[in-house]
Amino acid sequence: MSQPPYGPPGQNPPYQQGPPPQGQYGPPPQYGAPQYTPQYGPPPQQGPGFGWGPQFGPGPGGPGPGGRGPGGPGWQPPRRKKSKAPLIAIFAIVAVGIVGATLIGLVKKAADNVATPPVAPTRYTPRPTASPTGRPTSTSSGSPTQASDETIVAKNAIYNVGRMASVGCQEPRIRPTNARNAAAYWAAIKPCLDKAWKPLVEKAGYTFTSPQMAYWSGTTVTNPCGDGAISVPFYCSANNMLYMKVDVFVQAYNEYPGDPIAQAYARMWYSRSIAHEFGHGVQNMTGILQASSKIRYQQPDYAGQMRMTRRLELQANCFAGVFLAANKASYPINGNMLFVWNKYVVTAGDKPEEGDHGSVASQGRFMGKSFLTGDPASCNTYAASPANVS
């Protein structure tokens, strides 16, 4: 059986699942607005997927503290202290990070244009619905029962599976200098995510269903979760698909050629990006995505709805931290990669209570912690107090 393409049938050139063969990258492919056929039944009535790009806090003269952040006057790419260029704090956050077109103009535009709208429950039903012990709940007669939405999100068995084991994942030796290479970079990481999450999802009592990937560029991409402008990678639950946006990765990496810190920032951000979107896939497999969506709709006010969205996005980021923690030695995440992670990635966030992806403190509380523990138990955002998911 032939492997599924990255994009729609007929797209030129045809992309096969997995990294393209070595030496056949060629020039960047041409991307249109592909048409995707849902693979798991019809799309939901409403609900675009989950996307994540950096968001910059405004300051006098431009984004970032004091107007000195990306997009502000005098911004320079981040460097170590030994460099003569000043270190500039970059505020950024989630569906997955962009340093682009003036490194930041593109990013800020993406952040301004992309929100995380409500997502209706999909037709995918996780099997089985697990109790906190990892076993299906049942009635006295022994027949399975459906756990409440609150139980699914706050007492899910995925929190009890223990630390993720390393799968020896290594950063791809592919530099994302063009669209094809960016796709190959992500394609090489995807099998690591499958291998790392499969035993944990199954230990929790659920069926592991590997998300597929599509690669695209431009301003829109037709998908079962809804149309409209979007500027970042995102996950669509209707067809269990990661839609990875190659052009933002390429532009981020190429913006400051020869600058090792700026390029490490792009690679670290986009490594976390695919792990974040895959995290939404894990939420889908375990029923958290669907249950969280239902609870969100039941909130009496906008603030409550936004808080539920933050719980979902903070958890996907935390799941990304679990994967990166488990494989930090083999990847490896050290040197410049570790520097930009600690200095810029894990410290990125919205203003408290103002965004849909979480504040700097909340990012550190969940993603920062999971990067140290490698354990999904660190990611129970649904049991956290409202103050801790600001």
Protein backbone atom coordinates (compact mmCIF):
# COMPACT_ATOMS: atom_id res chain seq x y z
CA MET A 1 0.00 0.00 0.00
CA SER A 2 1.37 3.38 -0.93
CA GLN A 3 2.10 5.77 1.88
CA PRO A 4 -0.11 8.85 2.32
CA PRO A 5 1.18 12.13 0.88
CA TYR A 6 1.98 15.18 2.97
CA GLY A 7 -0.33 17.31 0.92
CA PRO A 8 -3.37 16.52 -1.25
CA PRO A 9 -3.31 14.10 -4.17
CA GLY A 10 -1.96 15.73 -7.30
CA GLN A 11 0.19 18.27 -5.52
CA ASN A 12 3.54 18.74 -7.28
CA PRO A 13 5.91 17.39 -6.17
CA PRO A 14 4.23 14.47 -4.37
CA TYR A 15 5.45 14.14 -0.79
CA GLN A 16 5.69 10.76 0.87
CA GLN A 17 5.30 10.15 4.58
CA GLY A 18 8.64 10.36 6.35
CA PRO A 19 11.72 12.36 5.47
CA PRO A 20 12.47 12.77 1.75
CA PRO A 21 15.37 10.66 0.46
CA GLN A 22 18.80 12.15 1.03
CA GLY A 23 20.05 14.27 -1.83
CA GLN A 24 16.61 14.75 -3.38
CA TYR A 25 15.46 17.89 -1.65
CA GLY A 26 15.84 20.10 -4.71
CA PRO A 27 14.27 23.55 -4.88
CA PRO A 28 11.48 24.58 -2.50
CA PRO A 29 8.16 23.02 -3.55
CA GLN A 30 5.28 25.16 -4.70
CA TYR A 31 2.40 25.24 -2.26
CA GLY A 32 -1.13 26.16 -3.02
CA ALA A 33 -4.21 26.00 -0.85
CA PRO A 34 -4.59 22.22 -0.71
CA GLN A 35 -7.90 20.48 -0.35
CA TYR A 36 -7.91 17.72 2.27
CA THR A 37 -10.40 14.92 2.52
CA PRO A 38 -11.25 14.06 6.12
CA GLN A 39 -10.05 10.59 7.04
CA TYR A 40 -12.17 9.98 10.11
CA GLY A 41 -15.68 10.94 9.12
CA PRO A 42 -17.14 14.37 8.34
CA PRO A 43 -15.70 17.48 9.96
CA PRO A 44 -17.34 18.88 13.09
CA GLN A 45 -19.95 21.58 12.79
CA GLN A 46 -17.48 24.21 13.91
CA GLY A 47 -14.02 24.61 15.23
CA PRO A 48 -10.70 25.37 13.63
CA GLY A 49 -7.73 23.47 14.95
CA PHE A 50 -5.20 24.56 17.51
CA GLY A 51 -2.32 26.72 16.37
CA TRP A 52 0.46 28.37 18.27
CA GLY A 53 2.82 31.16 17.37
CA PRO A 54 4.85 33.59 19.44
CA GLN A 55 3.00 36.52 20.96
CA PHE A 56 4.90 39.60 22.00
CA GLY A 57 3.98 41.84 24.89
CA PRO A 58 3.86 45.48 23.79
CA GLY A 59 6.30 47.99 25.19
CA PRO A 60 7.18 51.61 24.46
CA GLY A 61 8.54 51.74 20.94
CA GLY A 62 7.77 48.17 20.03
CA PRO A 63 7.08 44.70 21.32
CA GLY A 64 9.15 43.30 24.11
CA PRO A 65 10.25 44.92 27.36
CA GLY A 66 10.77 48.63 26.99
CA GLY A 67 10.31 48.43 23.24
CA ARG A 68 13.59 46.57 22.91
CA GLY A 69 12.04 43.22 22.03
CA PRO A 70 11.49 41.80 18.56
CA GLY A 71 9.86 44.37 16.35
CA GLY A 72 11.02 47.30 18.45
CA PRO A 73 13.74 49.74 17.40
CA GLY A 74 17.28 48.51 17.73
CA TRP A 75 16.39 44.83 18.15
CA GLN A 76 19.24 42.44 17.54
CA PRO A 77 19.11 38.64 17.40
CA PRO A 78 19.77 37.04 20.80
CA ARG A 79 23.41 36.23 21.59
CA ARG A 80 25.39 34.89 24.51
CA LYS A 81 27.03 37.32 26.93
CA LYS A 82 30.38 36.89 25.23
CA SER A 83 28.93 38.52 22.12
CA LYS A 84 28.99 42.29 21.78
CA ALA A 85 25.33 42.33 20.80
CA PRO A 86 22.93 42.86 23.71
CA LEU A 87 20.73 40.04 24.90
CA ILE A 88 17.15 40.99 24.18
CA ALA A 89 14.31 39.24 25.97
CA ILE A 90 11.93 37.66 23.51
CA PHE A 91 8.37 37.15 24.60
CA ALA A 92 6.72 34.46 22.59
CA ILE A 93 4.04 31.76 22.80
CA VAL A 94 1.71 28.53 21.18
CA ALA A 95 -0.53 25.34 17.85
CA VAL A 96 3.14 25.24 17.64
CA GLY A 97 6.73 29.73 17.13
CA ILE A 98 7.90 32.04 14.52
CA VAL A 99 10.83 34.32 14.16
CA GLY A 100 10.32 35.79 10.74
CA ALA A 101 10.19 38.67 8.32
CA THR A 102 12.28 41.10 10.22
CA LEU A 103 12.30 38.05 12.39
CA ILE A 104 9.45 39.58 14.21
CA GLY A 105 7.17 41.45 11.88
CA LEU A 106 5.86 38.13 10.63
CA VAL A 107 5.61 36.77 14.14
CA LYS A 108 3.70 39.70 15.52
CA LYS A 109 1.33 39.64 12.58
CA ALA A 110 0.72 35.95 13.20
CA ALA A 111 0.07 36.57 16.87
CA ASP A 112 -2.32 39.39 16.10
CA ASN A 113 -4.28 37.37 13.54
CA VAL A 114 -4.42 33.94 15.15
CA ALA A 115 -6.54 33.08 18.12
CA THR A 116 -7.53 29.71 19.45
CA PRO A 117 -11.27 29.40 18.82
CA PRO A 118 -13.49 26.79 20.45
CA VAL A 119 -13.24 23.33 18.99
CA ALA A 120 -16.32 21.17 18.86
CA PRO A 121 -15.97 17.54 19.96
CA THR A 122 -14.99 15.34 17.05
CA ARG A 123 -16.37 11.96 16.06
CA TYR A 124 -13.22 10.30 17.31
CA THR A 125 -13.96 8.50 20.58
CA PRO A 126 -11.03 7.30 22.67
CA ARG A 127 -11.16 3.63 23.64
CA PRO A 128 -11.67 3.00 26.49
CA THR A 129 -12.51 5.91 28.76
CA ALA A 130 -10.13 5.21 31.58
CA SER A 131 -10.44 5.75 35.30
CA PRO A 132 -7.56 7.33 37.24
CA THR A 133 -6.11 3.81 37.67
CA GLY A 134 -5.95 3.31 33.93
CA ARG A 135 -8.84 0.83 33.86
CA PRO A 136 -12.21 1.48 32.20
CA THR A 137 -14.91 2.54 34.57
CA SER A 138 -17.83 0.13 34.85
CA THR A 139 -21.21 -0.39 36.45
CA SER A 140 -21.95 -3.08 39.04
CA SER A 141 -23.01 -5.35 36.17
CA GLY A 142 -19.60 -4.99 34.60
CA SER A 143 -20.65 -2.95 31.56
CA PRO A 144 -18.50 0.09 30.69
CA THR A 145 -19.68 3.53 31.73
CA GLN A 146 -18.70 6.95 30.48
CA ALA A 147 -16.61 8.99 32.89
CA SER A 148 -17.65 12.61 33.39
CA ASP A 149 -15.89 15.29 31.40
CA GLU A 150 -14.40 16.66 34.62
CA THR A 151 -12.96 13.24 35.47
CA ILE A 152 -11.54 12.76 31.98
CA VAL A 153 -9.59 16.03 32.07
CA ALA A 154 -8.54 16.16 35.73
CA LYS A 155 -8.12 12.47 36.62
CA ASN A 156 -7.03 11.05 33.33
CA ALA A 157 -4.90 7.91 33.45
CA ILE A 158 -2.26 9.57 31.28
CA TYR A 159 -1.13 11.37 34.45
CA ASN A 160 -0.29 8.05 36.10
CA VAL A 161 1.89 6.38 33.48
CA GLY A 162 5.22 7.57 34.85
CA ARG A 163 8.22 9.15 33.18
CA MET A 164 8.58 8.94 29.43
CA ALA A 165 11.48 6.76 28.34
CA SER A 166 14.04 8.14 25.93
CA VAL A 167 13.72 6.84 22.39
CA GLY A 168 17.15 8.15 21.49
CA CYS A 169 15.72 10.86 19.26
CA GLN A 170 18.37 13.01 17.59
CA GLU A 171 17.89 16.42 16.06
CA PRO A 172 17.74 15.98 12.28
CA ARG A 173 20.96 16.87 10.50
CA ILE A 174 18.93 18.95 8.10
CA ARG A 175 19.02 22.71 8.16
CA PRO A 176 15.65 24.27 7.25
CA THR A 177 17.01 26.61 4.59
CA ASN A 178 14.13 25.89 2.20
CA ALA A 179 10.60 24.48 2.35
CA ARG A 180 11.58 20.94 1.47
CA ASN A 181 14.25 20.84 4.16
CA ALA A 182 11.86 22.26 6.75
CA ALA A 183 9.39 19.48 5.92
CA ALA A 184 12.19 16.90 6.10
CA TYR A 185 13.27 18.26 9.50
CA TRP A 186 9.80 17.76 10.98
CA ALA A 187 9.29 14.44 9.20
CA ALA A 188 12.42 13.09 10.87
CA ILE A 189 11.14 14.05 14.35
CA LYS A 190 7.64 12.63 13.89
CA PRO A 191 8.62 8.92 14.28
CA CYS A 192 10.31 9.83 17.57
CA LEU A 193 7.06 11.30 18.87
CA ASP A 194 5.12 8.22 17.80
CA LYS A 195 7.59 5.87 19.47
CA ALA A 196 7.78 7.94 22.66
CA TRP A 197 4.04 8.48 23.22
CA LYS A 198 2.65 5.13 22.05
CA PRO A 199 3.59 3.10 25.17
CA LEU A 200 2.33 5.83 27.51
CA VAL A 201 -1.02 6.21 25.76
CA GLU A 202 -1.51 2.45 25.74
CA LYS A 203 -0.42 2.12 29.37
CA ALA A 204 -3.12 4.64 30.21
CA GLY A 205 -5.68 2.32 28.59
CA TYR A 206 -6.25 4.18 25.33
CA THR A 207 -5.72 3.31 21.69
CA PHE A 208 -2.74 5.07 20.15
CA THR A 209 -3.62 6.61 16.79
CA SER A 210 -0.65 8.30 15.19
CA PRO A 211 -1.44 11.77 13.82
CA GLN A 212 -0.58 12.32 10.16
CA MET A 213 1.19 15.42 8.85
CA ALA A 214 0.64 17.86 6.03
CA TYR A 215 3.08 20.61 5.07
CA TRP A 216 1.96 23.94 3.68
CA SER A 217 2.84 27.62 3.31
CA GLY A 218 1.01 30.85 2.62
CA THR A 219 -1.84 32.46 4.50
CA THR A 220 -4.59 29.83 4.36
CA VAL A 221 -4.97 26.09 4.10
CA THR A 222 -8.25 24.28 3.58
CA ASN A 223 -8.84 21.66 6.24
CA PRO A 224 -11.76 19.88 7.94
CA CYS A 225 -11.50 22.11 11.01
CA GLY A 226 -12.34 25.31 9.13
CA ASP A 227 -10.94 27.87 6.71
CA GLY A 228 -9.46 31.26 7.36
CA ALA A 229 -6.16 33.06 7.74
CA ILE A 230 -3.63 31.33 9.95
CA SER A 231 0.08 31.91 10.31
CA VAL A 232 1.37 29.04 12.42
CA PRO A 233 1.40 25.24 12.52
CA PHE A 234 -1.78 23.75 14.01
CA TYR A 235 -3.52 20.49 14.85
CA CYS A 236 -6.92 19.50 13.45
CA SER A 237 -8.79 16.90 15.49
CA ALA A 238 -11.35 16.20 12.77
CA ASN A 239 -8.80 14.22 10.75
CA ASN A 240 -6.05 13.78 13.37
CA MET A 241 -3.66 15.87 11.28
CA LEU A 242 -0.68 18.08 12.09
CA TYR A 243 -0.58 20.97 9.62
CA MET A 244 3.03 22.12 9.72
CA LYS A 245 3.71 25.51 8.15
CA VAL A 246 7.09 25.32 6.47
CA ASP A 247 7.61 28.92 5.35
CA VAL A 248 7.66 30.39 8.86
CA PHE A 249 10.33 27.90 9.88
CA VAL A 250 12.46 28.69 6.82
CA GLN A 251 12.18 32.42 7.30
CA ALA A 252 13.01 32.15 10.99
CA TYR A 253 16.11 30.10 10.30
CA ASN A 254 17.35 32.22 7.40
CA GLU A 255 16.68 35.63 8.93
CA TYR A 256 20.13 35.97 10.47
CA PRO A 257 22.46 33.73 8.43
CA GLY A 258 25.53 32.66 10.29
CA ASP A 259 24.17 33.68 13.70
CA PRO A 260 24.29 30.47 15.78
CA ILE A 261 22.02 31.74 18.53
CA ALA A 262 19.29 32.98 16.18
CA GLN A 263 19.38 29.71 14.25
CA ALA A 264 19.37 27.65 17.44
CA TYR A 265 16.33 29.67 18.52
CA ALA A 266 14.50 28.73 15.33
CA ARG A 267 15.43 25.06 15.63
CA MET A 268 14.53 24.87 19.31
CA TRP A 269 11.25 26.70 18.84
CA TYR A 270 10.16 24.52 15.95
CA SER A 271 11.28 21.31 17.61
CA ARG A 272 8.99 22.30 20.45
CA SER A 273 6.35 23.34 17.92
CA ILE A 274 5.86 19.87 16.45
CA ALA A 275 5.97 18.35 19.95
CA HIS A 276 3.27 20.81 21.03
CA GLU A 277 0.96 20.01 18.13
CA PHE A 278 1.53 16.29 18.73
CA GLY A 279 0.54 17.01 22.34
CA HIS A 280 -2.89 18.05 21.06
CA GLY A 281 -2.99 14.69 19.32
CA VAL A 282 -2.33 12.98 22.67
CA GLN A 283 -5.18 15.00 24.17
CA ASN A 284 -7.38 13.75 21.35
CA MET A 285 -6.40 10.10 21.93
CA THR A 286 -7.10 10.30 25.65
CA GLY A 287 -10.40 12.17 25.39
CA ILE A 288 -9.05 15.30 27.05
CA LEU A 289 -9.54 17.40 23.93
CA GLN A 290 -13.20 16.50 23.55
CA ALA A 291 -14.06 16.73 27.25
CA SER A 292 -12.26 20.05 27.63
CA SER A 293 -14.18 21.45 24.68
CA LYS A 294 -17.50 20.45 26.24
CA ILE A 295 -16.57 22.02 29.56
CA ARG A 296 -15.49 25.17 27.79
CA TYR A 297 -18.88 25.54 26.13
CA GLN A 298 -20.52 25.26 29.52
CA GLN A 299 -18.64 28.20 31.01
CA PRO A 300 -20.93 31.11 31.88
CA ASP A 301 -18.60 33.85 30.74
CA TYR A 302 -15.72 34.68 28.41
CA ALA A 303 -13.16 34.60 31.21
CA GLY A 304 -14.12 31.03 32.04
CA GLN A 305 -13.92 29.98 28.40
CA MET A 306 -10.47 31.53 28.02
CA ARG A 307 -9.28 29.79 31.18
CA MET A 308 -10.33 26.42 29.76
CA THR A 309 -8.49 27.22 26.53
CA ARG A 310 -5.38 28.09 28.52
CA ARG A 311 -5.59 24.80 30.39
CA LEU A 312 -5.67 22.96 27.07
CA GLU A 313 -2.81 24.89 25.48
CA LEU A 314 -0.62 24.88 28.57
CA GLN A 315 -1.02 21.12 28.75
CA ALA A 316 -0.04 20.63 25.09
CA ASN A 317 3.05 22.71 25.77
CA CYS A 318 3.73 20.67 28.88
CA PHE A 319 3.44 17.44 26.87
CA ALA A 320 6.02 18.93 24.49
CA GLY A 321 8.28 19.47 27.49
CA VAL A 322 7.87 15.82 28.48
CA PHE A 323 9.10 14.64 25.09
CA LEU A 324 12.01 17.06 24.96
CA ALA A 325 13.03 16.16 28.52
CA ALA A 326 13.06 12.44 27.77
CA ASN A 327 15.30 12.97 24.74
CA LYS A 328 17.41 15.94 25.80
CA ALA A 329 20.60 13.84 26.07
CA SER A 330 20.33 12.20 22.65
CA TYR A 331 18.92 15.20 20.76
CA PRO A 332 21.00 16.79 22.33
CA ILE A 333 19.53 19.86 23.98
CA ASN A 334 22.68 21.51 25.25
CA GLY A 335 24.91 24.41 24.33
CA ASN A 336 23.07 27.00 22.24
CA MET A 337 19.89 24.91 22.14
CA LEU A 338 19.67 24.75 25.93
CA PHE A 339 20.62 28.40 26.19
CA VAL A 340 17.76 29.59 23.98
CA TRP A 341 15.34 27.18 25.64
CA ASN A 342 16.04 28.60 29.09
CA LYS A 343 16.46 32.21 28.00
CA TYR A 344 13.73 32.64 25.41
CA VAL A 345 11.43 29.66 24.87
CA VAL A 346 10.36 28.57 28.34
CA THR A 347 10.17 32.22 29.44
CA ALA A 348 7.73 33.19 26.70
CA GLY A 349 4.11 33.94 27.49
CA ASP A 350 1.10 36.20 27.44
CA LYS A 351 0.26 38.84 30.00
CA PRO A 352 -1.55 37.16 32.92
CA GLU A 353 -5.25 36.59 32.26
CA GLU A 354 -5.01 38.30 28.87
CA GLY A 355 -4.07 35.55 26.44
CA ASP A 356 -5.30 32.11 25.48
CA HIS A 357 -2.01 30.26 25.89
CA GLY A 358 -0.81 31.22 29.35
CA SER A 359 1.48 33.65 31.13
CA VAL A 360 5.22 33.36 31.56
CA ALA A 361 4.70 32.07 35.10
CA SER A 362 2.23 29.44 33.89
CA GLN A 363 4.58 28.31 31.13
CA GLY A 364 7.31 27.79 33.68
CA ARG A 365 4.93 26.04 36.05
CA PHE A 366 3.99 23.39 33.49
CA MET A 367 6.30 23.26 30.45
CA GLY A 368 9.29 24.32 32.52
CA LYS A 369 8.60 21.64 35.09
CA SER A 370 7.93 18.88 32.57
CA PHE A 371 11.25 19.63 30.89
CA LEU A 372 12.83 18.67 34.21
CA THR A 373 10.63 15.70 35.13
CA GLY A 374 9.80 14.11 31.75
CA ASP A 375 6.56 12.97 33.38
CA PRO A 376 2.98 13.68 32.16
CA ALA A 377 2.01 13.92 35.83
CA SER A 378 3.49 17.44 35.65
CA CYS A 379 0.88 18.37 33.05
CA ASN A 380 -2.44 18.20 34.91
CA THR A 381 -3.45 21.76 34.18
CA TYR A 382 -7.08 20.86 34.84
CA ALA A 383 -6.49 20.24 38.54
CA ALA A 384 -4.61 23.50 38.93
CA SER A 385 -6.19 26.57 40.53
CA PRO A 386 -7.32 29.39 38.23
CA ALA A 387 -4.42 31.52 39.47
CA ASN A 388 -1.95 28.91 38.23
CA VAL A 389 -3.32 28.89 34.68
CA SER A 390 -3.28 32.65 34.19
